[in-house]
Each structure stands twice: as structure tokens, then as C-alpha cells.
Amino acid sequence: MGKWITVGHELVWAAGADEDFVAPEGDLRADEENEQWSVVDPAGGRWWPDDEAGEEIAAADDPAAAAVTICRATPMWGTWHT
């Protein structure tokens, strides 16, 4: 299951089918809400990490940078929502 969403100027399969996708630098920003990190794209889409990625992000020295890096490199470790 999944759906196609727009991330920046790219069309991406939200379930991780397009594992080679790398978001352009600067198009993503981390956002912390209730001690949980997510990543937001310019179009308002939001990537939520799965439990394993969330633990890695929380344990990082710079959780915001870790969230964006994990989202960009391994988007299948979470889900995109529009």
C-alpha cells in the first residue's frame, strides 16, 4: 500500500517504493512536536519516522539534522503524509 506524493519538485511513492529518491538539499526541515521529530517539505508534506528511526533520531547529538538525514537517505524508515 502507499500513494504518490510530491516532495519538493519530485513525485515519490510514499511507501518507499522509490528507495533511490534523494530529496534536494534545503528542501526539507525538521520539526519537533511533543518530543517527536518529523520532517516537513515545502509543499506541506510531513514524514514521520517509524519506531526504529525515531529512536535513532532521539539518540542523536543533533536530532534535527538526524531526522532530515534519515528522511533523505532512507525514506522507507517512515511514512509521508500530506
PDB file of N, CA and C in Angstrom:
ATOM      1  N   MET A   1       0.834  -1.178   0.000  1.00  0.00           N
ATOM      2  CA  MET A   1       0.000   0.000   0.000  1.00  0.00           C
ATOM      3  C   MET A   1       0.875   1.237   0.000  1.00  0.00           C
ATOM      4  N   GLY A   2       0.351   2.300  -0.427  1.00  0.00           N
ATOM      5  CA  GLY A   2       1.038   3.568  -0.474  1.00  0.00           C
ATOM      6  C   GLY A   2       0.345   4.479  -1.452  1.00  0.00           C
ATOM      7  N   LYS A   3       0.933   5.633  -1.646  1.00  0.00           N
ATOM      8  CA  LYS A   3       0.400   6.552  -2.643  1.00  0.00           C
ATOM      9  C   LYS A   3       1.508   7.460  -3.112  1.00  0.00           C
ATOM     10  N   TRP A   4       1.302   8.076  -4.238  1.00  0.00           N
ATOM     11  CA  TRP A   4       2.266   9.017  -4.791  1.00  0.00           C
ATOM     12  C   TRP A   4       2.049  10.365  -4.141  1.00  0.00           C
ATOM     13  N   ILE A   5       3.142  10.999  -3.703  1.00  0.00           N
ATOM     14  CA  ILE A   5       3.070  12.336  -3.126  1.00  0.00           C
ATOM     15  C   ILE A   5       4.163  13.199  -3.756  1.00  0.00           C
ATOM     16  N   THR A   6       4.030  14.488  -3.627  1.00  0.00           N
ATOM     17  CA  THR A   6       5.041  15.408  -4.129  1.00  0.00           C
ATOM     18  C   THR A   6       5.956  15.802  -2.980  1.00  0.00           C
ATOM     19  N   VAL A   7       7.259  15.666  -3.208  1.00  0.00           N
ATOM     20  CA  VAL A   7       8.272  16.087  -2.242  1.00  0.00           C
ATOM     21  C   VAL A   7       9.170  17.054  -2.994  1.00  0.00           C
ATOM     22  N   GLY A   8       9.128  18.320  -2.610  1.00  0.00           N
ATOM     23  CA  GLY A   8       9.844  19.325  -3.392  1.00  0.00           C
ATOM     24  C   GLY A   8       9.235  19.358  -4.778  1.00  0.00           C
ATOM     25  N   HIS A   9      10.043  19.049  -5.787  1.00  0.00           N
ATOM     26  CA  HIS A   9       9.559  19.019  -7.164  1.00  0.00           C
ATOM     27  C   HIS A   9       9.543  17.608  -7.717  1.00  0.00           C
ATOM     28  N   GLU A  10       9.610  16.623  -6.853  1.00  0.00           N
ATOM     29  CA  GLU A  10       9.664  15.226  -7.264  1.00  0.00           C
ATOM     30  C   GLU A  10       8.399  14.503  -6.845  1.00  0.00           C
ATOM     31  N   LEU A  11       7.986  13.533  -7.656  1.00  0.00           N
ATOM     32  CA  LEU A  11       6.881  12.659  -7.307  1.00  0.00           C
ATOM     33  C   LEU A  11       7.467  11.406  -6.681  1.00  0.00           C
ATOM     34  N   VAL A  12       7.030  11.057  -5.481  1.00  0.00           N
ATOM     35  CA  VAL A  12       7.631   9.976  -4.699  1.00  0.00           C
ATOM     36  C   VAL A  12       6.545   9.022  -4.228  1.00  0.00           C
ATOM     37  N   TRP A  13       6.838   7.730  -4.270  1.00  0.00           N
ATOM     38  CA  TRP A  13       5.940   6.715  -3.728  1.00  0.00           C
ATOM     39  C   TRP A  13       6.116   6.688  -2.217  1.00  0.00           C
ATOM     40  N   ALA A  14       5.090   6.982  -1.459  1.00  0.00           N
ATOM     41  CA  ALA A  14       5.183   7.186  -0.019  1.00  0.00           C
ATOM     42  C   ALA A  14       5.549   5.927   0.758  1.00  0.00           C
ATOM     43  N   ALA A  15       5.319   4.754   0.206  1.00  0.00           N
ATOM     44  CA  ALA A  15       5.618   3.527   0.937  1.00  0.00           C
ATOM     45  C   ALA A  15       7.063   3.085   0.766  1.00  0.00           C
ATOM     46  N   GLY A  16       7.892   3.895   0.146  1.00  0.00           N
ATOM     47  CA  GLY A  16       9.298   3.564  -0.006  1.00  0.00           C
ATOM     48  C   GLY A  16       9.612   2.804  -1.281  1.00  0.00           C
ATOM     49  N   ALA A  17       8.677   2.741  -2.218  1.00  0.00           N
ATOM     50  CA  ALA A  17       8.931   2.014  -3.458  1.00  0.00           C
ATOM     51  C   ALA A  17      10.067   2.659  -4.247  1.00  0.00           C
ATOM     52  N   ASP A  18      10.241   3.962  -4.078  1.00  0.00           N
ATOM     53  CA  ASP A  18      11.310   4.667  -4.780  1.00  0.00           C
ATOM     54  C   ASP A  18      12.453   4.891  -3.799  1.00  0.00           C
ATOM     55  N   GLU A  19      13.134   3.810  -3.417  1.00  0.00           N
ATOM     56  CA  GLU A  19      14.159   3.876  -2.387  1.00  0.00           C
ATOM     57  C   GLU A  19      15.382   4.673  -2.809  1.00  0.00           C
ATOM     58  N   ASP A  20      15.553   4.936  -4.104  1.00  0.00           N
ATOM     59  CA  ASP A  20      16.714   5.681  -4.572  1.00  0.00           C
ATOM     60  C   ASP A  20      16.485   7.187  -4.542  1.00  0.00           C
ATOM     61  N   PHE A  21      15.280   7.618  -4.192  1.00  0.00           N
ATOM     62  CA  PHE A  21      14.990   9.046  -4.162  1.00  0.00           C
ATOM     63  C   PHE A  21      15.823   9.745  -3.099  1.00  0.00           C
ATOM     64  N   VAL A  22      16.421  10.865  -3.467  1.00  0.00           N
ATOM     65  CA  VAL A  22      17.148  11.705  -2.523  1.00  0.00           C
ATOM     66  C   VAL A  22      16.586  13.117  -2.658  1.00  0.00           C
ATOM     67  N   ALA A  23      16.036  13.634  -1.594  1.00  0.00           N
ATOM     68  CA  ALA A  23      15.460  14.967  -1.628  1.00  0.00           C
ATOM     69  C   ALA A  23      16.559  15.999  -1.829  1.00  0.00           C
ATOM     70  N   PRO A  24      16.291  17.031  -2.627  1.00  0.00           N
ATOM     71  CA  PRO A  24      17.292  18.077  -2.840  1.00  0.00           C
ATOM     72  C   PRO A  24      17.665  18.764  -1.540  1.00  0.00           C
ATOM     73  N   GLU A  25      18.919  19.161  -1.416  1.00  0.00           N
ATOM     74  CA  GLU A  25      19.383  19.878  -0.227  1.00  0.00           C
ATOM     75  C   GLU A  25      18.519  21.114  -0.007  1.00  0.00           C
ATOM     76  N   GLY A  26      18.198  21.378   1.227  1.00  0.00           N
ATOM     77  CA  GLY A  26      17.487  22.599   1.564  1.00  0.00           C
ATOM     78  C   GLY A  26      15.982  22.534   1.416  1.00  0.00           C
ATOM     79  N   ASP A  27      15.454  21.480   0.811  1.00  0.00           N
ATOM     80  CA  ASP A  27      14.011  21.397   0.628  1.00  0.00           C
ATOM     81  C   ASP A  27      13.291  20.834   1.839  1.00  0.00           C
ATOM     82  N   LEU A  28      14.013  20.248   2.765  1.00  0.00           N
ATOM     83  CA  LEU A  28      13.395  19.613   3.924  1.00  0.00           C
ATOM     84  C   LEU A  28      13.828  20.310   5.205  1.00  0.00           C
ATOM     85  N   ARG A  29      12.931  20.329   6.197  1.00  0.00           N
ATOM     86  CA  ARG A  29      13.294  20.871   7.508  1.00  0.00           C
ATOM     87  C   ARG A  29      12.705  19.969   8.589  1.00  0.00           C
ATOM     88  N   ALA A  30      13.426  19.850   9.689  1.00  0.00           N
ATOM     89  CA  ALA A  30      12.963  19.040  10.815  1.00  0.00           C
ATOM     90  C   ALA A  30      12.031  19.869  11.689  1.00  0.00           C
ATOM     91  N   ASP A  31      11.091  19.193  12.318  1.00  0.00           N
ATOM     92  CA  ASP A  31      10.131  19.849  13.189  1.00  0.00           C
ATOM     93  C   ASP A  31       9.905  18.942  14.405  1.00  0.00           C
ATOM     94  N   GLU A  32       9.989  19.508  15.596  1.00  0.00           N
ATOM     95  CA  GLU A  32       9.747  18.740  16.811  1.00  0.00           C
ATOM     96  C   GLU A  32       8.399  19.129  17.385  1.00  0.00           C
ATOM     97  N   GLU A  33       7.609  18.112  17.679  1.00  0.00           N
ATOM     98  CA  GLU A  33       6.277  18.331  18.216  1.00  0.00           C
ATOM     99  C   GLU A  33       6.027  17.272  19.285  1.00  0.00           C
ATOM    100  N   ASN A  34       5.780  17.690  20.504  1.00  0.00           N
ATOM    101  CA  ASN A  34       5.544  16.753  21.619  1.00  0.00           C
ATOM    102  C   ASN A  34       6.666  15.725  21.744  1.00  0.00           C
ATOM    103  N   GLU A  35       7.899  16.195  21.661  1.00  0.00           N
ATOM    104  CA  GLU A  35       9.102  15.368  21.780  1.00  0.00           C
ATOM    105  C   GLU A  35       9.223  14.297  20.697  1.00  0.00           C
ATOM    106  N   GLN A  36       8.548  14.487  19.576  1.00  0.00           N
ATOM    107  CA  GLN A  36       8.668  13.578  18.442  1.00  0.00           C
ATOM    108  C   GLN A  36       9.066  14.393  17.217  1.00  0.00           C
ATOM    109  N   TRP A  37      10.092  13.919  16.516  1.00  0.00           N
ATOM    110  CA  TRP A  37      10.602  14.619  15.347  1.00  0.00           C
ATOM    111  C   TRP A  37       9.900  14.149  14.087  1.00  0.00           C
ATOM    112  N   SER A  38       9.685  15.074  13.171  1.00  0.00           N
ATOM    113  CA  SER A  38       9.185  14.780  11.837  1.00  0.00           C
ATOM    114  C   SER A  38       9.946  15.679  10.869  1.00  0.00           C
ATOM    115  N   VAL A  39       9.741  15.456   9.587  1.00  0.00           N
ATOM    116  CA  VAL A  39      10.396  16.266   8.558  1.00  0.00           C
ATOM    117  C   VAL A  39       9.311  16.809   7.645  1.00  0.00           C
ATOM    118  N   VAL A  40       9.402  18.103   7.333  1.00  0.00           N
ATOM    119  CA  VAL A  40       8.396  18.788   6.527  1.00  0.00           C
ATOM    120  C   VAL A  40       9.024  19.238   5.217  1.00  0.00           C
ATOM    121  N   ASP A  41       8.277  19.052   4.123  1.00  0.00           N
ATOM    122  CA  ASP A  41       8.748  19.548   2.825  1.00  0.00           C
ATOM    123  C   ASP A  41       8.058  20.877   2.515  1.00  0.00           C
ATOM    124  N   PRO A  42       8.520  21.613   1.495  1.00  0.00           N
ATOM    125  CA  PRO A  42       7.960  22.935   1.200  1.00  0.00           C
ATOM    126  C   PRO A  42       6.479  22.914   0.825  1.00  0.00           C
ATOM    127  N   ALA A  43       5.985  21.784   0.324  1.00  0.00           N
ATOM    128  CA  ALA A  43       4.579  21.685  -0.073  1.00  0.00           C
ATOM    129  C   ALA A  43       3.666  21.329   1.102  1.00  0.00           C
ATOM    130  N   GLY A  44       4.256  21.136   2.297  1.00  0.00           N
ATOM    131  CA  GLY A  44       3.462  20.834   3.472  1.00  0.00           C
ATOM    132  C   GLY A  44       3.349  19.351   3.787  1.00  0.00           C
ATOM    133  N   GLY A  45       3.972  18.496   2.984  1.00  0.00           N
ATOM    134  CA  GLY A  45       4.006  17.073   3.308  1.00  0.00           C
ATOM    135  C   GLY A  45       4.856  16.859   4.550  1.00  0.00           C
ATOM    136  N   ARG A  46       4.520  15.840   5.306  1.00  0.00           N
ATOM    137  CA  ARG A  46       5.251  15.569   6.539  1.00  0.00           C
ATOM    138  C   ARG A  46       5.642  14.101   6.576  1.00  0.00           C
ATOM    139  N   TRP A  47       6.929  13.846   6.861  1.00  0.00           N
ATOM    140  CA  TRP A  47       7.454  12.489   7.012  1.00  0.00           C
ATOM    141  C   TRP A  47       7.563  12.192   8.492  1.00  0.00           C
ATOM    142  N   TRP A  48       6.939  11.087   8.910  1.00  0.00           N
ATOM    143  CA  TRP A  48       7.019  10.626  10.295  1.00  0.00           C
ATOM    144  C   TRP A  48       7.878   9.381  10.318  1.00  0.00           C
ATOM    145  N   PRO A  49       8.921   9.354  11.150  1.00  0.00           N
ATOM    146  CA  PRO A  49       9.786   8.184  11.220  1.00  0.00           C
ATOM    147  C   PRO A  49       9.080   7.011  11.885  1.00  0.00           C
ATOM    148  N   ASP A  50       9.492   5.787  11.494  1.00  0.00           N
ATOM    149  CA  ASP A  50       8.984   4.620  12.208  1.00  0.00           C
ATOM    150  C   ASP A  50       9.669   4.559  13.576  1.00  0.00           C
ATOM    151  N   ASP A  51       9.326   3.566  14.381  1.00  0.00           N
ATOM    152  CA  ASP A  51       9.850   3.494  15.750  1.00  0.00           C
ATOM    153  C   ASP A  51      11.375   3.422  15.791  1.00  0.00           C
ATOM    154  N   GLU A  52      11.957   2.582  14.937  1.00  0.00           N
ATOM    155  CA  GLU A  52      13.414   2.424  14.931  1.00  0.00           C
ATOM    156  C   GLU A  52      14.115   3.725  14.540  1.00  0.00           C
ATOM    157  N   ALA A  53      13.627   4.372  13.494  1.00  0.00           N
ATOM    158  CA  ALA A  53      14.221   5.640  13.075  1.00  0.00           C
ATOM    159  C   ALA A  53      14.011   6.707  14.144  1.00  0.00           C
ATOM    160  N   GLY A  54      12.848   6.706  14.786  1.00  0.00           N
ATOM    161  CA  GLY A  54      12.573   7.669  15.843  1.00  0.00           C
ATOM    162  C   GLY A  54      13.535   7.534  17.013  1.00  0.00           C
ATOM    163  N   GLU A  55      13.864   6.294  17.358  1.00  0.00           N
ATOM    164  CA  GLU A  55      14.832   6.061  18.433  1.00  0.00           C
ATOM    165  C   GLU A  55      16.219   6.556  18.044  1.00  0.00           C
ATOM    166  N   GLU A  56      16.606   6.309  16.786  1.00  0.00           N
ATOM    167  CA  GLU A  56      17.913   6.775  16.304  1.00  0.00           C
ATOM    168  C   GLU A  56      17.975   8.297  16.294  1.00  0.00           C
ATOM    169  N   ILE A  57      16.892   8.932  15.872  1.00  0.00           N
ATOM    170  CA  ILE A  57      16.830  10.393  15.842  1.00  0.00           C
ATOM    171  C   ILE A  57      16.928  10.948  17.267  1.00  0.00           C
ATOM    172  N   ALA A  58      16.169  10.385  18.187  1.00  0.00           N
ATOM    173  CA  ALA A  58      16.166  10.860  19.578  1.00  0.00           C
ATOM    174  C   ALA A  58      17.531  10.707  20.236  1.00  0.00           C
ATOM    175  N   ALA A  59      18.282   9.681  19.858  1.00  0.00           N
ATOM    176  CA  ALA A  59      19.585   9.423  20.471  1.00  0.00           C
ATOM    177  C   ALA A  59      20.718  10.236  19.842  1.00  0.00           C
ATOM    178  N   ALA A  60      20.454  10.909  18.744  1.00  0.00           N
ATOM    179  CA  ALA A  60      21.497  11.656  18.030  1.00  0.00           C
ATOM    180  C   ALA A  60      21.887  12.921  18.785  1.00  0.00           C
ATOM    181  N   ASP A  61      23.120  13.365  18.583  1.00  0.00           N
ATOM    182  CA  ASP A  61      23.584  14.623  19.176  1.00  0.00           C
ATOM    183  C   ASP A  61      22.801  15.807  18.616  1.00  0.00           C
ATOM    184  N   ASP A  62      22.430  15.730  17.342  1.00  0.00           N
ATOM    185  CA  ASP A  62      21.644  16.773  16.681  1.00  0.00           C
ATOM    186  C   ASP A  62      20.423  16.101  16.058  1.00  0.00           C
ATOM    187  N   PRO A  63      19.335  15.950  16.840  1.00  0.00           N
ATOM    188  CA  PRO A  63      18.168  15.235  16.338  1.00  0.00           C
ATOM    189  C   PRO A  63      17.558  15.834  15.064  1.00  0.00           C
ATOM    190  N   ALA A  64      17.579  17.153  14.943  1.00  0.00           N
ATOM    191  CA  ALA A  64      17.014  17.783  13.746  1.00  0.00           C
ATOM    192  C   ALA A  64      17.785  17.361  12.503  1.00  0.00           C
ATOM    193  N   ALA A  65      19.110  17.413  12.582  1.00  0.00           N
ATOM    194  CA  ALA A  65      19.936  17.004  11.440  1.00  0.00           C
ATOM    195  C   ALA A  65      19.770  15.520  11.160  1.00  0.00           C
ATOM    196  N   ALA A  66      19.669  14.714  12.213  1.00  0.00           N
ATOM    197  CA  ALA A  66      19.488  13.270  12.033  1.00  0.00           C
ATOM    198  C   ALA A  66      18.163  12.967  11.352  1.00  0.00           C
ATOM    199  N   ALA A  67      17.104  13.682  11.735  1.00  0.00           N
ATOM    200  CA  ALA A  67      15.790  13.460  11.129  1.00  0.00           C
ATOM    201  C   ALA A  67      15.825  13.737   9.632  1.00  0.00           C
ATOM    202  N   VAL A  68      16.402  14.859   9.247  1.00  0.00           N
ATOM    203  CA  VAL A  68      16.470  15.203   7.821  1.00  0.00           C
ATOM    204  C   VAL A  68      17.358  14.216   7.076  1.00  0.00           C
ATOM    205  N   THR A  69      18.488  13.844   7.670  1.00  0.00           N
ATOM    206  CA  THR A  69      19.406  12.910   7.019  1.00  0.00           C
ATOM    207  C   THR A  69      18.739  11.552   6.807  1.00  0.00           C
ATOM    208  N   ILE A  70      18.085  11.031   7.828  1.00  0.00           N
ATOM    209  CA  ILE A  70      17.421   9.729   7.704  1.00  0.00           C
ATOM    210  C   ILE A  70      16.273   9.810   6.703  1.00  0.00           C
ATOM    211  N   CYS A  71      15.504  10.862   6.761  1.00  0.00           N
ATOM    212  CA  CYS A  71      14.399  11.034   5.818  1.00  0.00           C
ATOM    213  C   CYS A  71      14.899  11.069   4.382  1.00  0.00           C
ATOM    214  N   ARG A  72      15.969  11.818   4.163  1.00  0.00           N
ATOM    215  CA  ARG A  72      16.517  11.976   2.813  1.00  0.00           C
ATOM    216  C   ARG A  72      17.137  10.661   2.318  1.00  0.00           C
ATOM    217  N   ALA A  73      17.896   9.989   3.171  1.00  0.00           N
ATOM    218  CA  ALA A  73      18.650   8.808   2.751  1.00  0.00           C
ATOM    219  C   ALA A  73      17.810   7.529   2.746  1.00  0.00           C
ATOM    220  N   THR A  74      16.887   7.408   3.696  1.00  0.00           N
ATOM    221  CA  THR A  74      16.103   6.174   3.824  1.00  0.00           C
ATOM    222  C   THR A  74      14.643   6.506   4.131  1.00  0.00           C
ATOM    223  N   PRO A  75      13.931   7.086   3.168  1.00  0.00           N
ATOM    224  CA  PRO A  75      12.541   7.489   3.425  1.00  0.00           C
ATOM    225  C   PRO A  75      11.627   6.320   3.787  1.00  0.00           C
ATOM    226  N   MET A  76      12.055   5.102   3.455  1.00  0.00           N
ATOM    227  CA  MET A  76      11.229   3.942   3.782  1.00  0.00           C
ATOM    228  C   MET A  76      11.231   3.638   5.281  1.00  0.00           C
ATOM    229  N   TRP A  77      12.057   4.330   6.066  1.00  0.00           N
ATOM    230  CA  TRP A  77      12.081   4.173   7.527  1.00  0.00           C
ATOM    231  C   TRP A  77      10.999   5.023   8.185  1.00  0.00           C
ATOM    232  N   GLY A  78      10.050   5.469   7.418  1.00  0.00           N
ATOM    233  CA  GLY A  78       8.944   6.267   7.919  1.00  0.00           C
ATOM    234  C   GLY A  78       7.882   6.353   6.854  1.00  0.00           C
ATOM    235  N   THR A  79       6.909   7.230   7.064  1.00  0.00           N
ATOM    236  CA  THR A  79       5.842   7.407   6.088  1.00  0.00           C
ATOM    237  C   THR A  79       5.600   8.891   5.857  1.00  0.00           C
ATOM    238  N   TRP A  80       5.289   9.223   4.611  1.00  0.00           N
ATOM    239  CA  TRP A  80       4.933  10.591   4.237  1.00  0.00           C
ATOM    240  C   TRP A  80       3.427  10.755   4.340  1.00  0.00           C
ATOM    241  N   HIS A  81       3.010  11.898   4.856  1.00  0.00           N
ATOM    242  CA  HIS A  81       1.592  12.238   4.937  1.00  0.00           C
ATOM    243  C   HIS A  81       1.404  13.625   4.340  1.00  0.00           C
ATOM    244  N   THR A  82       0.309  13.816   3.643  1.00  0.00           N
ATOM    245  CA  THR A  82       0.036  15.126   3.059  1.00  0.00           C
ATOM    246  C   THR A  82      -1.113  15.791   3.772  1.00  0.00           C
TER     247      THR A  82
END
